[in-house]
Amino acid sequence: MSYILINIFILFLIILFAESLMYLITIKNTELKSILTYIVMAIIAFITSQYIPNDYKEFTKTLATASLILALVSLFKKNTNIN
């Protein structure tokens, strides 16, 4: 149970750090901002995986990979407006 809680805590810290960085950047294009947020989350997760114990390295590497995939999907997503 504590393993899951620590993973969730790591996830929330990475999201909090990335979102706080994106709050400081003033970009009007929200699509570009979301793509940058995912890329920053991936970079933070990769850096974090270098400095945490071995038990949690795979989680942060998976999180980094998922963030990069989300950035790519957001980059190539067509603008679909539903009225």
C-alpha atoms as a PDB file:
ATOM      1  CA  MET A   1       0.000   0.000   0.000  1.00  0.00           C
ATOM      2  CA  SER A   2       2.803   2.431   0.801  1.00  0.00           C
ATOM      3  CA  TYR A   3       4.409   1.723  -2.596  1.00  0.00           C
ATOM      4  CA  ILE A   4       1.269   2.941  -4.354  1.00  0.00           C
ATOM      5  CA  LEU A   5       1.012   6.023  -2.164  1.00  0.00           C
ATOM      6  CA  ILE A   6       4.633   6.959  -2.812  1.00  0.00           C
ATOM      7  CA  ASN A   7       4.087   6.553  -6.576  1.00  0.00           C
ATOM      8  CA  ILE A   8       1.022   8.793  -6.401  1.00  0.00           C
ATOM      9  CA  PHE A   9       3.008  11.329  -4.370  1.00  0.00           C
ATOM     10  CA  ILE A  10       5.794  11.323  -6.996  1.00  0.00           C
ATOM     11  CA  LEU A  11       3.205  11.768  -9.747  1.00  0.00           C
ATOM     12  CA  PHE A  12       1.573  14.728  -8.003  1.00  0.00           C
ATOM     13  CA  LEU A  13       4.932  16.378  -7.319  1.00  0.00           C
ATOM     14  CA  ILE A  14       5.947  16.119 -10.975  1.00  0.00           C
ATOM     15  CA  ILE A  15       2.590  17.497 -12.138  1.00  0.00           C
ATOM     16  CA  LEU A  16       2.730  20.306  -9.565  1.00  0.00           C
ATOM     17  CA  PHE A  17       6.234  21.316 -10.612  1.00  0.00           C
ATOM     18  CA  ALA A  18       5.427  21.231 -14.332  1.00  0.00           C
ATOM     19  CA  GLU A  19       2.191  23.174 -13.933  1.00  0.00           C
ATOM     20  CA  SER A  20       3.848  25.791 -11.759  1.00  0.00           C
ATOM     21  CA  LEU A  21       6.522  26.300 -14.432  1.00  0.00           C
ATOM     22  CA  MET A  22       3.868  26.629 -17.111  1.00  0.00           C
ATOM     23  CA  TYR A  23       1.979  29.138 -14.963  1.00  0.00           C
ATOM     24  CA  LEU A  24       5.015  31.423 -15.112  1.00  0.00           C
ATOM     25  CA  ILE A  25       5.267  31.199 -18.909  1.00  0.00           C
ATOM     26  CA  THR A  26       2.816  33.514 -20.622  1.00  0.00           C
ATOM     27  CA  ILE A  27       1.826  31.852 -23.879  1.00  0.00           C
ATOM     28  CA  LYS A  28      -1.568  32.656 -25.340  1.00  0.00           C
ATOM     29  CA  ASN A  29      -1.810  29.482 -27.418  1.00  0.00           C
ATOM     30  CA  THR A  30      -3.251  26.882 -25.053  1.00  0.00           C
ATOM     31  CA  GLU A  31      -2.461  23.956 -27.376  1.00  0.00           C
ATOM     32  CA  LEU A  32       1.219  24.868 -27.396  1.00  0.00           C
ATOM     33  CA  LYS A  33       1.139  25.331 -23.646  1.00  0.00           C
ATOM     34  CA  SER A  34      -0.326  21.864 -23.070  1.00  0.00           C
ATOM     35  CA  ILE A  35       2.277  20.280 -25.345  1.00  0.00           C
ATOM     36  CA  LEU A  36       5.042  22.085 -23.455  1.00  0.00           C
ATOM     37  CA  THR A  37       3.563  20.950 -20.145  1.00  0.00           C
ATOM     38  CA  TYR A  38       3.705  17.308 -21.213  1.00  0.00           C
ATOM     39  CA  ILE A  39       7.285  17.703 -22.441  1.00  0.00           C
ATOM     40  CA  VAL A  40       8.333  19.368 -19.175  1.00  0.00           C
ATOM     41  CA  MET A  41       6.659  16.555 -17.217  1.00  0.00           C
ATOM     42  CA  ALA A  42       8.598  13.985 -19.246  1.00  0.00           C
ATOM     43  CA  ILE A  43      11.894  15.767 -18.660  1.00  0.00           C
ATOM     44  CA  ILE A  44      11.247  16.077 -14.921  1.00  0.00           C
ATOM     45  CA  ALA A  45      10.301  12.395 -14.720  1.00  0.00           C
ATOM     46  CA  PHE A  46      13.482  11.346 -16.550  1.00  0.00           C
ATOM     47  CA  ILE A  47      15.608  13.498 -14.241  1.00  0.00           C
ATOM     48  CA  THR A  48      13.772  12.184 -11.179  1.00  0.00           C
ATOM     49  CA  SER A  49      14.413   8.596 -12.229  1.00  0.00           C
ATOM     50  CA  GLN A  50      18.143   9.218 -11.949  1.00  0.00           C
ATOM     51  CA  TYR A  51      17.985  10.245  -8.290  1.00  0.00           C
ATOM     52  CA  ILE A  52      15.368   8.039  -6.630  1.00  0.00           C
ATOM     53  CA  PRO A  53      15.701   4.476  -5.296  1.00  0.00           C
ATOM     54  CA  ASN A  54      15.460   1.531  -7.681  1.00  0.00           C
ATOM     55  CA  ASP A  55      11.950   0.599  -6.539  1.00  0.00           C
ATOM     56  CA  TYR A  56      10.460   3.707  -8.140  1.00  0.00           C
ATOM     57  CA  LYS A  57      12.634   4.137 -11.233  1.00  0.00           C
ATOM     58  CA  GLU A  58      10.397   2.129 -13.533  1.00  0.00           C
ATOM     59  CA  PHE A  59       7.349   4.160 -12.529  1.00  0.00           C
ATOM     60  CA  THR A  60       9.041   7.456 -13.348  1.00  0.00           C
ATOM     61  CA  LYS A  61      10.375   6.105 -16.640  1.00  0.00           C
ATOM     62  CA  THR A  62       6.866   4.935 -17.539  1.00  0.00           C
ATOM     63  CA  LEU A  63       5.496   8.329 -16.556  1.00  0.00           C
ATOM     64  CA  ALA A  64       8.069  10.062 -18.745  1.00  0.00           C
ATOM     65  CA  THR A  65       7.245   7.844 -21.714  1.00  0.00           C
ATOM     66  CA  ALA A  66       3.515   8.407 -21.236  1.00  0.00           C
ATOM     67  CA  SER A  67       4.044  12.167 -21.067  1.00  0.00           C
ATOM     68  CA  LEU A  68       5.991  12.135 -24.325  1.00  0.00           C
ATOM     69  CA  ILE A  69       3.264  10.089 -25.987  1.00  0.00           C
ATOM     70  CA  LEU A  70       0.641  12.564 -24.752  1.00  0.00           C
ATOM     71  CA  ALA A  71       2.723  15.434 -26.136  1.00  0.00           C
ATOM     72  CA  LEU A  72       2.904  13.746 -29.534  1.00  0.00           C
ATOM     73  CA  VAL A  73      -0.830  13.035 -29.555  1.00  0.00           C
ATOM     74  CA  SER A  74      -1.561  16.648 -28.586  1.00  0.00           C
ATOM     75  CA  LEU A  75       0.765  17.865 -31.317  1.00  0.00           C
ATOM     76  CA  PHE A  76      -0.961  15.946 -34.097  1.00  0.00           C
ATOM     77  CA  LYS A  77      -4.509  16.192 -32.774  1.00  0.00           C
ATOM     78  CA  LYS A  78      -6.906  17.837 -35.171  1.00  0.00           C
ATOM     79  CA  ASN A  79      -8.911  20.757 -33.899  1.00  0.00           C
ATOM     80  CA  THR A  80     -12.415  19.352 -33.543  1.00  0.00           C
ATOM     81  CA  ASN A  81     -15.116  21.636 -32.224  1.00  0.00           C
ATOM     82  CA  ILE A  82     -18.385  20.046 -31.183  1.00  0.00           C
ATOM     83  CA  ASN A  83     -21.333  22.437 -31.175  1.00  0.00           C
END
